[in-house]
Each structure stands twice: as structure tokens, then as C-alpha cells.
Amino acid sequence: MTIETCPLSIEDIHDELQGIKEIAAKNNLPEMYRLALSCIDLTTLNSTDTISSVTEFTEKVNQFPAKYPGIKNVAAICVYPNMAHTVRSTLNVPNVKIAAVAGGFPSSMTFTKIKIEEAHLAAVAGADEIDIVLPLWAFLEGHLETCTNEISSIKKAIGDAHLKVILETGVLNVDQIWQASMLAISAGADFIKTSTGKLPQAASPEAAFVMCLAIKQHYEETGKKIGFKPAGGIVTPEDAIFYLTIVQEILGTEWLTPELFRIGASRLANNLLEKITGSDAKHF
């Protein structure tokens, strides 16, 4: 499989991002904070997660509409695959998706058959969305067909659930991010996502820019819209608005919906609530 290199150099990308940063500064508005909040994948991926703690976590989402009327709820709750059923049995508010990490998350260092089965079981347990990790062990050695086959097999196994493919962009250069983006999209990804949040290197504006360019090219060639999710290290409302503005400037405002844009963050949710309400918020 041959995939083109990124059409822009890192220097060009930095120049473009400088202009977007100036636009983002003007986008720090209450309505944009509300939009960002509605695109959050509220996440708990701790070794100490239990049925009780995940139930309590989900109840906070259930309680949100009554506590904050007029503010849209988060887009999804993201958990480990064995907790998908717990969220499904607890969640009782509309328009909030259930996402589960699977496929040997976060390293993708296990057998393909196990990845496929884990993703399938997560979907059966109630996950609307499955987040998997690009098998870097194969990608970094150029075994692109292995990566493609694995992603497409998982996509087939999860039925109607949406597939998010995490590229772990913090360990990739610009050309590799482009290649990984195009590969994941061609293999069946409904979303491409920057990072697991489990490595020191997480989301970056440069990675977001390249990934959005890849999504744009795919859309121009096929008419199919692929979603984008920055994740890892996004804590401040200003950071969230910067990523949101990158999407806006490259892909357009039609991508600024929970169906096509997500932010992987949890601490960010309370920080955005404080901006929106003007008071301390410790809801999530």
C-alpha cells in the first residue's frame, strides 16, 4: 500500500496554525464554550474503576440536565469494555453515546483475534462507539496491510457501532500522521483520534492540523465525512477552543457537532462549566 506524504511541511503547518491561533482568541465566547462541552467524551479509564464508581460517574451525566437546564450535556461516556454494560444499564438521558476502548487498549500489543473479539463484545455489551489503537508495532515497520486488515476486521465485527481509531500521534512525525490518518480512514474508521492519553506525548495542534487535512482530502474525493477527536492533555477551555477552531478553519462549521467532533477530556468539562456559568463547578 502506498500513501502520499503530507502535502504541507511542518514549517507551513506552523505558519497556518499561527493564523488559526489568532482566530481562536476571538472564539473564546460563551457559545463556543457550550459547543465544546457538548462535544466532550467524558472519560474514566482508571485501574481502580469499579461497577460502583462507573455507576456514580454515569449518574452525574444523568443529573446534568436538571442541574444545568439550557446547557447541552456531554456527547458520550467513555469506559473500559467490561464497563460498557454498567453504563448502558445506568444511563437514562437521551443523546449521550456510550464509548468503550477496546482492541488491546492502550498499546494494541496483543493478538488480532483477541482485539476483534474484545471490540465485538464491547459492542454487544452496549457500546455505541468503539475506540481502538492503530497497531504501532506494525505501522512503524511499514506493515501497512497488517494495519488495514486489522482495522477493517474490527469494523466488521462491531456492526453498527462507530469506530474511532487512535493514531498515538505524539510518537509520529508529520508524514507518519498523514499516512496513519489516510490508512485508518480507508480501512473504515468513522473517527480518527490523536492519542490514548496514556503516553507523555498527547494531542498537539500540529497533529490536529494534519489529521483534519486528511479528513478534508477524503471528503473532497469521496463525499464522506469522517469525524475528528483530539484527546490527551486538553484541560483549559482556551485549549479546547483552539482545537475547535482548527476544525472550523480546515473542515468548516458543519463539522462542529458531536457527530463529527469530539474532545477526549474529563477535567475540561468542569473548567468549561465554570466559564459558562461564571461560578465554581465540580459536577463531573
C-alpha atoms as a PDB file:
ATOM      1  CA  MET A   1       0.000   0.000   0.000  1.00  0.00           C
ATOM      2  CA  THR A   2       1.361   3.417  -0.980  1.00  0.00           C
ATOM      3  CA  ILE A   3       0.120   6.537   0.759  1.00  0.00           C
ATOM      4  CA  GLU A   4       1.249  10.058  -0.105  1.00  0.00           C
ATOM      5  CA  THR A   5       3.254  12.161   2.309  1.00  0.00           C
ATOM      6  CA  CYS A   6       1.709  15.190   3.988  1.00  0.00           C
ATOM      7  CA  PRO A   7       1.096  17.967   1.436  1.00  0.00           C
ATOM      8  CA  LEU A   8       2.449  20.615   3.828  1.00  0.00           C
ATOM      9  CA  SER A   9       5.797  20.890   5.602  1.00  0.00           C
ATOM     10  CA  ILE A  10       5.988  21.357   9.364  1.00  0.00           C
ATOM     11  CA  GLU A  11       7.042  24.972   8.734  1.00  0.00           C
ATOM     12  CA  ASP A  12       3.938  25.582   6.610  1.00  0.00           C
ATOM     13  CA  ILE A  13       1.786  23.983   9.282  1.00  0.00           C
ATOM     14  CA  HIS A  14       3.246  26.232  11.972  1.00  0.00           C
ATOM     15  CA  ASP A  15       2.523  29.287   9.813  1.00  0.00           C
ATOM     16  CA  GLU A  16      -1.080  28.178   9.289  1.00  0.00           C
ATOM     17  CA  LEU A  17      -1.533  27.457  12.982  1.00  0.00           C
ATOM     18  CA  GLN A  18      -0.368  30.935  13.915  1.00  0.00           C
ATOM     19  CA  GLY A  19      -3.207  32.414  11.896  1.00  0.00           C
ATOM     20  CA  ILE A  20      -5.696  29.946  13.383  1.00  0.00           C
ATOM     21  CA  LYS A  21      -4.478  30.807  16.882  1.00  0.00           C
ATOM     22  CA  GLU A  22      -5.402  34.445  16.263  1.00  0.00           C
ATOM     23  CA  ILE A  23      -8.891  33.411  15.158  1.00  0.00           C
ATOM     24  CA  ALA A  24      -9.206  31.107  18.181  1.00  0.00           C
ATOM     25  CA  ALA A  25      -8.527  34.050  20.507  1.00  0.00           C
ATOM     26  CA  LYS A  26     -11.671  35.672  19.130  1.00  0.00           C
ATOM     27  CA  ASN A  27     -13.598  32.408  19.530  1.00  0.00           C
ATOM     28  CA  ASN A  28     -13.317  32.405  23.316  1.00  0.00           C
ATOM     29  CA  LEU A  29     -17.020  33.108  23.673  1.00  0.00           C
ATOM     30  CA  PRO A  30     -19.780  31.606  25.855  1.00  0.00           C
ATOM     31  CA  GLU A  31     -21.482  29.922  22.889  1.00  0.00           C
ATOM     32  CA  MET A  32     -18.203  28.265  21.872  1.00  0.00           C
ATOM     33  CA  TYR A  33     -17.636  27.003  25.429  1.00  0.00           C
ATOM     34  CA  ARG A  34     -21.123  25.493  25.312  1.00  0.00           C
ATOM     35  CA  LEU A  35     -20.360  23.844  21.980  1.00  0.00           C
ATOM     36  CA  ALA A  36     -17.088  22.427  23.295  1.00  0.00           C
ATOM     37  CA  LEU A  37     -18.829  20.970  26.352  1.00  0.00           C
ATOM     38  CA  SER A  38     -21.411  19.238  24.157  1.00  0.00           C
ATOM     39  CA  CYS A  39     -18.580  17.535  22.223  1.00  0.00           C
ATOM     40  CA  ILE A  40     -16.770  16.030  25.222  1.00  0.00           C
ATOM     41  CA  ASP A  41     -16.267  12.304  25.631  1.00  0.00           C
ATOM     42  CA  LEU A  42     -16.419  12.177  29.433  1.00  0.00           C
ATOM     43  CA  THR A  43     -13.867   9.525  30.262  1.00  0.00           C
ATOM     44  CA  THR A  44     -12.883   7.262  33.128  1.00  0.00           C
ATOM     45  CA  LEU A  45     -10.098   4.814  32.297  1.00  0.00           C
ATOM     46  CA  ASN A  46      -8.543   4.046  35.651  1.00  0.00           C
ATOM     47  CA  SER A  47      -7.235   0.752  37.005  1.00  0.00           C
ATOM     48  CA  THR A  48      -9.382   1.441  40.058  1.00  0.00           C
ATOM     49  CA  ASP A  49     -12.669   1.762  38.135  1.00  0.00           C
ATOM     50  CA  THR A  50     -15.396  -0.401  39.648  1.00  0.00           C
ATOM     51  CA  ILE A  51     -19.042  -1.044  38.845  1.00  0.00           C
ATOM     52  CA  SER A  52     -19.949   1.288  41.710  1.00  0.00           C
ATOM     53  CA  SER A  53     -17.630   4.106  40.619  1.00  0.00           C
ATOM     54  CA  VAL A  54     -18.694   3.880  36.963  1.00  0.00           C
ATOM     55  CA  THR A  55     -22.342   3.879  38.021  1.00  0.00           C
ATOM     56  CA  GLU A  56     -21.732   7.028  40.069  1.00  0.00           C
ATOM     57  CA  PHE A  57     -19.825   8.555  37.144  1.00  0.00           C
ATOM     58  CA  THR A  58     -22.769   7.871  34.828  1.00  0.00           C
ATOM     59  CA  GLU A  59     -25.268   9.283  37.308  1.00  0.00           C
ATOM     60  CA  LYS A  60     -23.508  12.647  37.078  1.00  0.00           C
ATOM     61  CA  VAL A  61     -24.407  12.700  33.391  1.00  0.00           C
ATOM     62  CA  ASN A  62     -27.986  11.681  34.238  1.00  0.00           C
ATOM     63  CA  GLN A  63     -28.250  14.547  36.742  1.00  0.00           C
ATOM     64  CA  PHE A  64     -26.756  17.169  34.443  1.00  0.00           C
ATOM     65  CA  PRO A  65     -29.950  18.348  32.631  1.00  0.00           C
ATOM     66  CA  ALA A  66     -31.761  19.071  35.892  1.00  0.00           C
ATOM     67  CA  LYS A  67     -28.790  20.827  37.448  1.00  0.00           C
ATOM     68  CA  TYR A  68     -27.846  22.834  34.352  1.00  0.00           C
ATOM     69  CA  PRO A  69     -31.033  23.404  32.330  1.00  0.00           C
ATOM     70  CA  GLY A  70     -30.401  25.025  28.972  1.00  0.00           C
ATOM     71  CA  ILE A  71     -26.853  23.665  28.678  1.00  0.00           C
ATOM     72  CA  LYS A  72     -26.286  20.657  26.422  1.00  0.00           C
ATOM     73  CA  ASN A  73     -24.939  17.533  28.052  1.00  0.00           C
ATOM     74  CA  VAL A  74     -21.658  15.860  27.127  1.00  0.00           C
ATOM     75  CA  ALA A  75     -21.538  13.808  23.924  1.00  0.00           C
ATOM     76  CA  ALA A  76     -20.508  10.448  25.354  1.00  0.00           C
ATOM     77  CA  ILE A  77     -19.253   8.458  28.314  1.00  0.00           C
ATOM     78  CA  CYS A  78     -16.060   6.512  27.579  1.00  0.00           C
ATOM     79  CA  VAL A  79     -15.079   3.483  29.677  1.00  0.00           C
ATOM     80  CA  TYR A  80     -13.212   0.191  29.552  1.00  0.00           C
ATOM     81  CA  PRO A  81     -15.082  -2.531  27.608  1.00  0.00           C
ATOM     82  CA  ASN A  82     -16.125  -4.523  30.660  1.00  0.00           C
ATOM     83  CA  MET A  83     -17.874  -1.409  31.982  1.00  0.00           C
ATOM     84  CA  ALA A  84     -19.969  -0.724  28.876  1.00  0.00           C
ATOM     85  CA  HIS A  85     -22.882  -2.736  30.248  1.00  0.00           C
ATOM     86  CA  THR A  86     -22.754  -0.788  33.527  1.00  0.00           C
ATOM     87  CA  VAL A  87     -23.096   2.491  31.654  1.00  0.00           C
ATOM     88  CA  ARG A  88     -25.826   1.068  29.398  1.00  0.00           C
ATOM     89  CA  SER A  89     -27.886  -0.087  32.394  1.00  0.00           C
ATOM     90  CA  THR A  90     -27.439   3.226  34.257  1.00  0.00           C
ATOM     91  CA  LEU A  91     -27.616   5.916  31.590  1.00  0.00           C
ATOM     92  CA  ASN A  92     -31.123   7.343  31.252  1.00  0.00           C
ATOM     93  CA  VAL A  93     -30.713  10.641  29.389  1.00  0.00           C
ATOM     94  CA  PRO A  94     -31.046  11.000  25.613  1.00  0.00           C
ATOM     95  CA  ASN A  95     -28.355  11.876  23.074  1.00  0.00           C
ATOM     96  CA  VAL A  96     -25.388  10.669  25.139  1.00  0.00           C
ATOM     97  CA  LYS A  97     -23.414   7.876  23.484  1.00  0.00           C
ATOM     98  CA  ILE A  98     -21.550   5.046  25.179  1.00  0.00           C
ATOM     99  CA  ALA A  99     -17.954   4.604  24.042  1.00  0.00           C
ATOM    100  CA  ALA A 100     -15.642   1.773  25.009  1.00  0.00           C
ATOM    101  CA  VAL A 101     -11.924   1.439  24.442  1.00  0.00           C
ATOM    102  CA  ALA A 102     -11.022  -1.980  23.062  1.00  0.00           C
ATOM    103  CA  GLY A 103      -8.610  -3.835  20.825  1.00  0.00           C
ATOM    104  CA  GLY A 104      -5.839  -4.141  23.387  1.00  0.00           C
ATOM    105  CA  PHE A 105      -6.070  -0.513  24.505  1.00  0.00           C
ATOM    106  CA  PRO A 106      -3.830   1.378  25.093  1.00  0.00           C
ATOM    107  CA  SER A 107      -0.879  -0.404  23.450  1.00  0.00           C
ATOM    108  CA  SER A 108      -2.635  -2.582  20.850  1.00  0.00           C
ATOM    109  CA  MET A 109       0.022  -5.172  21.714  1.00  0.00           C
ATOM    110  CA  THR A 110      -1.976  -8.369  21.591  1.00  0.00           C
ATOM    111  CA  PHE A 111      -3.311 -10.847  19.051  1.00  0.00           C
ATOM    112  CA  THR A 112      -5.637  -9.584  16.330  1.00  0.00           C
ATOM    113  CA  LYS A 113      -8.251 -12.250  17.124  1.00  0.00           C
ATOM    114  CA  ILE A 114      -8.394 -11.034  20.707  1.00  0.00           C
ATOM    115  CA  LYS A 115      -8.755  -7.426  19.571  1.00  0.00           C
ATOM    116  CA  ILE A 116     -11.616  -8.332  17.253  1.00  0.00           C
ATOM    117  CA  GLU A 117     -13.423 -10.324  19.924  1.00  0.00           C
ATOM    118  CA  GLU A 118     -12.961  -7.670  22.595  1.00  0.00           C
ATOM    119  CA  ALA A 119     -14.353  -4.972  20.306  1.00  0.00           C
ATOM    120  CA  HIS A 120     -17.286  -7.226  19.353  1.00  0.00           C
ATOM    121  CA  LEU A 121     -18.083  -7.996  22.992  1.00  0.00           C
ATOM    122  CA  ALA A 122     -17.954  -4.291  23.895  1.00  0.00           C
ATOM    123  CA  ALA A 123     -20.495  -3.528  21.175  1.00  0.00           C
ATOM    124  CA  VAL A 124     -22.721  -6.404  22.323  1.00  0.00           C
ATOM    125  CA  ALA A 125     -22.487  -5.061  25.887  1.00  0.00           C
ATOM    126  CA  GLY A 126     -23.968  -1.764  24.774  1.00  0.00           C
ATOM    127  CA  ALA A 127     -21.212   0.448  23.377  1.00  0.00           C
ATOM    128  CA  ASP A 128     -22.328   2.746  20.558  1.00  0.00           C
ATOM    129  CA  GLU A 129     -18.713   3.575  19.747  1.00  0.00           C
ATOM    130  CA  ILE A 130     -15.505   1.581  19.915  1.00  0.00           C
ATOM    131  CA  ASP A 131     -12.109   3.287  20.324  1.00  0.00           C
ATOM    132  CA  ILE A 132      -9.125   1.214  19.188  1.00  0.00           C
ATOM    133  CA  VAL A 133      -5.432   1.982  18.739  1.00  0.00           C
ATOM    134  CA  LEU A 134      -3.544   1.742  15.455  1.00  0.00           C
ATOM    135  CA  PRO A 135      -1.079  -1.170  15.876  1.00  0.00           C
ATOM    136  CA  LEU A 136       2.070   0.922  16.004  1.00  0.00           C
ATOM    137  CA  TRP A 137       4.260  -2.170  16.187  1.00  0.00           C
ATOM    138  CA  ALA A 138       3.211  -2.917  12.604  1.00  0.00           C
ATOM    139  CA  PHE A 139       2.823   0.651  11.327  1.00  0.00           C
ATOM    140  CA  LEU A 140       6.298   1.769  12.372  1.00  0.00           C
ATOM    141  CA  GLU A 141       7.874  -1.099  10.441  1.00  0.00           C
ATOM    142  CA  GLY A 142       5.851  -0.390   7.328  1.00  0.00           C
ATOM    143  CA  HIS A 143       3.441  -3.307   7.572  1.00  0.00           C
ATOM    144  CA  LEU A 144       0.549  -1.181   6.394  1.00  0.00           C
ATOM    145  CA  GLU A 145      -1.535  -4.048   5.068  1.00  0.00           C
ATOM    146  CA  THR A 146      -1.485  -5.624   8.521  1.00  0.00           C
ATOM    147  CA  CYS A 147      -2.837  -2.391   9.990  1.00  0.00           C
ATOM    148  CA  THR A 148      -5.517  -2.051   7.332  1.00  0.00           C
ATOM    149  CA  ASN A 149      -6.705  -5.632   7.693  1.00  0.00           C
ATOM    150  CA  GLU A 150      -6.901  -5.361  11.470  1.00  0.00           C
ATOM    151  CA  ILE A 151      -8.902  -2.133  11.452  1.00  0.00           C
ATOM    152  CA  SER A 152     -11.299  -3.363   8.766  1.00  0.00           C
ATOM    153  CA  SER A 153     -11.821  -6.668  10.613  1.00  0.00           C
ATOM    154  CA  ILE A 154     -12.677  -4.848  13.838  1.00  0.00           C
ATOM    155  CA  LYS A 155     -15.002  -2.509  11.957  1.00  0.00           C
ATOM    156  CA  LYS A 156     -16.861  -5.504  10.539  1.00  0.00           C
ATOM    157  CA  ALA A 157     -17.071  -7.171  13.961  1.00  0.00           C
ATOM    158  CA  ILE A 158     -18.754  -4.225  15.723  1.00  0.00           C
ATOM    159  CA  GLY A 159     -21.732  -3.961  13.402  1.00  0.00           C
ATOM    160  CA  ASP A 160     -23.482  -0.597  13.553  1.00  0.00           C
ATOM    161  CA  ALA A 161     -21.214   0.828  16.254  1.00  0.00           C
ATOM    162  CA  HIS A 162     -18.946   3.664  15.187  1.00  0.00           C
ATOM    163  CA  LEU A 163     -15.216   3.021  15.084  1.00  0.00           C
ATOM    164  CA  LYS A 164     -12.677   5.557  16.369  1.00  0.00           C
ATOM    165  CA  VAL A 165      -9.052   4.792  15.513  1.00  0.00           C
ATOM    166  CA  ILE A 166      -6.395   6.304  17.786  1.00  0.00           C
ATOM    167  CA  LEU A 167      -3.141   7.121  15.989  1.00  0.00           C
ATOM    168  CA  GLU A 168      -0.964   7.954  19.030  1.00  0.00           C
ATOM    169  CA  THR A 169       0.339  10.967  17.130  1.00  0.00           C
ATOM    170  CA  GLY A 170       2.754  12.043  19.872  1.00  0.00           C
ATOM    171  CA  VAL A 171       5.239   9.409  18.678  1.00  0.00           C
ATOM    172  CA  LEU A 172       4.754  10.082  14.943  1.00  0.00           C
ATOM    173  CA  ASN A 173       6.182  12.731  12.634  1.00  0.00           C
ATOM    174  CA  VAL A 174       4.078  14.799  10.242  1.00  0.00           C
ATOM    175  CA  ASP A 175       4.325  12.389   7.320  1.00  0.00           C
ATOM    176  CA  GLN A 176       3.546   9.415   9.562  1.00  0.00           C
ATOM    177  CA  ILE A 177       0.489  11.191  10.968  1.00  0.00           C
ATOM    178  CA  TRP A 178      -0.730  11.806   7.423  1.00  0.00           C
ATOM    179  CA  GLN A 179      -0.100   8.182   6.433  1.00  0.00           C
ATOM    180  CA  ALA A 180      -1.779   6.831   9.559  1.00  0.00           C
ATOM    181  CA  SER A 181      -4.793   9.113   9.052  1.00  0.00           C
ATOM    182  CA  MET A 182      -5.327   8.068   5.446  1.00  0.00           C
ATOM    183  CA  LEU A 183      -4.786   4.413   6.290  1.00  0.00           C
ATOM    184  CA  ALA A 184      -7.298   4.430   9.164  1.00  0.00           C
ATOM    185  CA  ILE A 185      -9.893   6.248   7.086  1.00  0.00           C
ATOM    186  CA  SER A 186      -9.501   3.895   4.129  1.00  0.00           C
ATOM    187  CA  ALA A 187      -9.778   0.889   6.468  1.00  0.00           C
ATOM    188  CA  GLY A 188     -13.162   2.009   7.783  1.00  0.00           C
ATOM    189  CA  ALA A 189     -12.640   4.458  10.654  1.00  0.00           C
ATOM    190  CA  ASP A 190     -15.635   6.675  11.370  1.00  0.00           C
ATOM    191  CA  PHE A 191     -13.408   8.925  13.517  1.00  0.00           C
ATOM    192  CA  ILE A 192      -9.678   9.408  13.788  1.00  0.00           C
ATOM    193  CA  LYS A 193      -8.316  10.355  17.196  1.00  0.00           C
ATOM    194  CA  THR A 194      -4.942  11.772  18.246  1.00  0.00           C
ATOM    195  CA  SER A 195      -3.968   9.958  21.417  1.00  0.00           C
ATOM    196  CA  THR A 196      -4.763   7.472  24.155  1.00  0.00           C
ATOM    197  CA  GLY A 197      -3.745   9.882  26.891  1.00  0.00           C
ATOM    198  CA  LYS A 198      -1.606   7.087  28.338  1.00  0.00           C
ATOM    199  CA  LEU A 199       1.731   8.335  26.915  1.00  0.00           C
ATOM    200  CA  PRO A 200       3.565  11.530  27.897  1.00  0.00           C
ATOM    201  CA  GLN A 201       3.077  12.840  24.343  1.00  0.00           C
ATOM    202  CA  ALA A 202      -0.593  13.576  23.755  1.00  0.00           C
ATOM    203  CA  ALA A 203      -2.624  15.783  21.415  1.00  0.00           C
ATOM    204  CA  SER A 204      -0.893  18.610  19.586  1.00  0.00           C
ATOM    205  CA  PRO A 205      -2.199  21.345  17.272  1.00  0.00           C
ATOM    206  CA  GLU A 206       0.216  20.138  14.573  1.00  0.00           C
ATOM    207  CA  ALA A 207      -1.247  16.629  14.656  1.00  0.00           C
ATOM    208  CA  ALA A 208      -4.783  18.021  14.653  1.00  0.00           C
ATOM    209  CA  PHE A 209      -3.991  20.157  11.624  1.00  0.00           C
ATOM    210  CA  VAL A 210      -2.598  17.213   9.626  1.00  0.00           C
ATOM    211  CA  MET A 211      -5.449  14.897  10.583  1.00  0.00           C
ATOM    212  CA  CYS A 212      -8.054  17.469   9.591  1.00  0.00           C
ATOM    213  CA  LEU A 213      -6.286  17.961   6.261  1.00  0.00           C
ATOM    214  CA  ALA A 214      -6.513  14.205   5.663  1.00  0.00           C
ATOM    215  CA  ILE A 215     -10.221  14.227   6.528  1.00  0.00           C
ATOM    216  CA  LYS A 216     -10.738  17.162   4.160  1.00  0.00           C
ATOM    217  CA  GLN A 217      -8.978  15.400   1.290  1.00  0.00           C
ATOM    218  CA  HIS A 218     -11.012  12.240   1.853  1.00  0.00           C
ATOM    219  CA  TYR A 219     -14.241  14.261   1.898  1.00  0.00           C
ATOM    220  CA  GLU A 220     -13.323  16.074  -1.325  1.00  0.00           C
ATOM    221  CA  GLU A 221     -12.555  12.745  -3.023  1.00  0.00           C
ATOM    222  CA  THR A 222     -15.482  10.687  -1.713  1.00  0.00           C
ATOM    223  CA  GLY A 223     -18.103  12.987  -0.177  1.00  0.00           C
ATOM    224  CA  LYS A 224     -17.872  11.011   3.082  1.00  0.00           C
ATOM    225  CA  LYS A 225     -17.422  12.898   6.338  1.00  0.00           C
ATOM    226  CA  ILE A 226     -15.026  11.407   8.899  1.00  0.00           C
ATOM    227  CA  GLY A 227     -15.008  12.653  12.488  1.00  0.00           C
ATOM    228  CA  PHE A 228     -12.034  14.037  14.398  1.00  0.00           C
ATOM    229  CA  LYS A 229     -11.180  13.713  18.081  1.00  0.00           C
ATOM    230  CA  PRO A 230      -8.234  15.378  19.832  1.00  0.00           C
ATOM    231  CA  ALA A 231      -7.517  13.716  23.178  1.00  0.00           C
ATOM    232  CA  GLY A 232      -4.881  13.796  25.888  1.00  0.00           C
ATOM    233  CA  GLY A 233      -3.721  16.819  27.842  1.00  0.00           C
ATOM    234  CA  ILE A 234      -6.577  19.123  26.837  1.00  0.00           C
ATOM    235  CA  VAL A 235      -7.546  20.793  30.103  1.00  0.00           C
ATOM    236  CA  THR A 236      -8.193  24.508  29.640  1.00  0.00           C
ATOM    237  CA  PRO A 237     -11.177  25.999  27.812  1.00  0.00           C
ATOM    238  CA  GLU A 238      -8.728  28.002  25.694  1.00  0.00           C
ATOM    239  CA  ASP A 239      -7.037  24.796  24.527  1.00  0.00           C
ATOM    240  CA  ALA A 240     -10.404  23.298  23.636  1.00  0.00           C
ATOM    241  CA  ILE A 241     -11.365  26.351  21.620  1.00  0.00           C
ATOM    242  CA  PHE A 242      -8.039  26.222  19.753  1.00  0.00           C
ATOM    243  CA  TYR A 243      -8.728  22.648  18.608  1.00  0.00           C
ATOM    244  CA  LEU A 244     -12.309  23.525  17.808  1.00  0.00           C
ATOM    245  CA  THR A 245     -11.077  26.440  15.684  1.00  0.00           C
ATOM    246  CA  ILE A 246      -8.620  24.209  13.809  1.00  0.00           C
ATOM    247  CA  VAL A 247     -11.572  22.039  12.796  1.00  0.00           C
ATOM    248  CA  GLN A 248     -13.646  25.082  11.919  1.00  0.00           C
ATOM    249  CA  GLU A 249     -10.978  26.617   9.700  1.00  0.00           C
ATOM    250  CA  ILE A 250      -9.987  23.430   7.850  1.00  0.00           C
ATOM    251  CA  LEU A 251     -13.242  21.482   7.673  1.00  0.00           C
ATOM    252  CA  GLY A 252     -15.900  24.130   8.223  1.00  0.00           C
ATOM    253  CA  THR A 253     -18.625  24.764  10.763  1.00  0.00           C
ATOM    254  CA  GLU A 254     -20.599  21.701   9.591  1.00  0.00           C
ATOM    255  CA  TRP A 255     -18.010  19.582  11.427  1.00  0.00           C
ATOM    256  CA  LEU A 256     -18.688  21.374  14.717  1.00  0.00           C
ATOM    257  CA  THR A 257     -21.226  18.882  16.023  1.00  0.00           C
ATOM    258  CA  PRO A 258     -20.893  15.891  18.375  1.00  0.00           C
ATOM    259  CA  GLU A 259     -21.473  13.658  15.355  1.00  0.00           C
ATOM    260  CA  LEU A 260     -18.190  14.781  13.770  1.00  0.00           C
ATOM    261  CA  PHE A 261     -16.118  16.397  16.519  1.00  0.00           C
ATOM    262  CA  ARG A 262     -15.251  15.120  19.975  1.00  0.00           C
ATOM    263  CA  ILE A 263     -12.812  16.155  22.658  1.00  0.00           C
ATOM    264  CA  GLY A 264     -11.341  13.455  24.871  1.00  0.00           C
ATOM    265  CA  ALA A 265     -11.249  15.090  28.298  1.00  0.00           C
ATOM    266  CA  SER A 266     -12.834  14.983  31.737  1.00  0.00           C
ATOM    267  CA  ARG A 267     -11.225  17.736  33.803  1.00  0.00           C
ATOM    268  CA  LEU A 268     -12.054  20.048  30.912  1.00  0.00           C
ATOM    269  CA  ALA A 269     -15.795  19.562  31.464  1.00  0.00           C
ATOM    270  CA  ASN A 270     -15.798  21.297  34.859  1.00  0.00           C
ATOM    271  CA  ASN A 271     -13.495  24.037  33.571  1.00  0.00           C
ATOM    272  CA  LEU A 272     -15.871  24.751  30.686  1.00  0.00           C
ATOM    273  CA  LEU A 273     -18.834  24.750  33.085  1.00  0.00           C
ATOM    274  CA  GLU A 274     -17.116  27.408  35.167  1.00  0.00           C
ATOM    275  CA  LYS A 275     -16.660  29.566  32.061  1.00  0.00           C
ATOM    276  CA  ILE A 276     -20.286  29.088  31.039  1.00  0.00           C
ATOM    277  CA  THR A 277     -21.887  29.645  34.433  1.00  0.00           C
ATOM    278  CA  GLY A 278     -19.384  32.103  35.891  1.00  0.00           C
ATOM    279  CA  SER A 279     -19.135  30.114  39.126  1.00  0.00           C
ATOM    280  CA  ASP A 280     -17.227  27.165  40.588  1.00  0.00           C
ATOM    281  CA  ALA A 281     -18.276  23.875  39.027  1.00  0.00           C
ATOM    282  CA  LYS A 282     -17.388  20.476  40.410  1.00  0.00           C
ATOM    283  CA  HIS A 283     -20.197  18.475  38.839  1.00  0.00           C
ATOM    284  CA  PHE A 284     -18.141  15.899  36.920  1.00  0.00           C
END
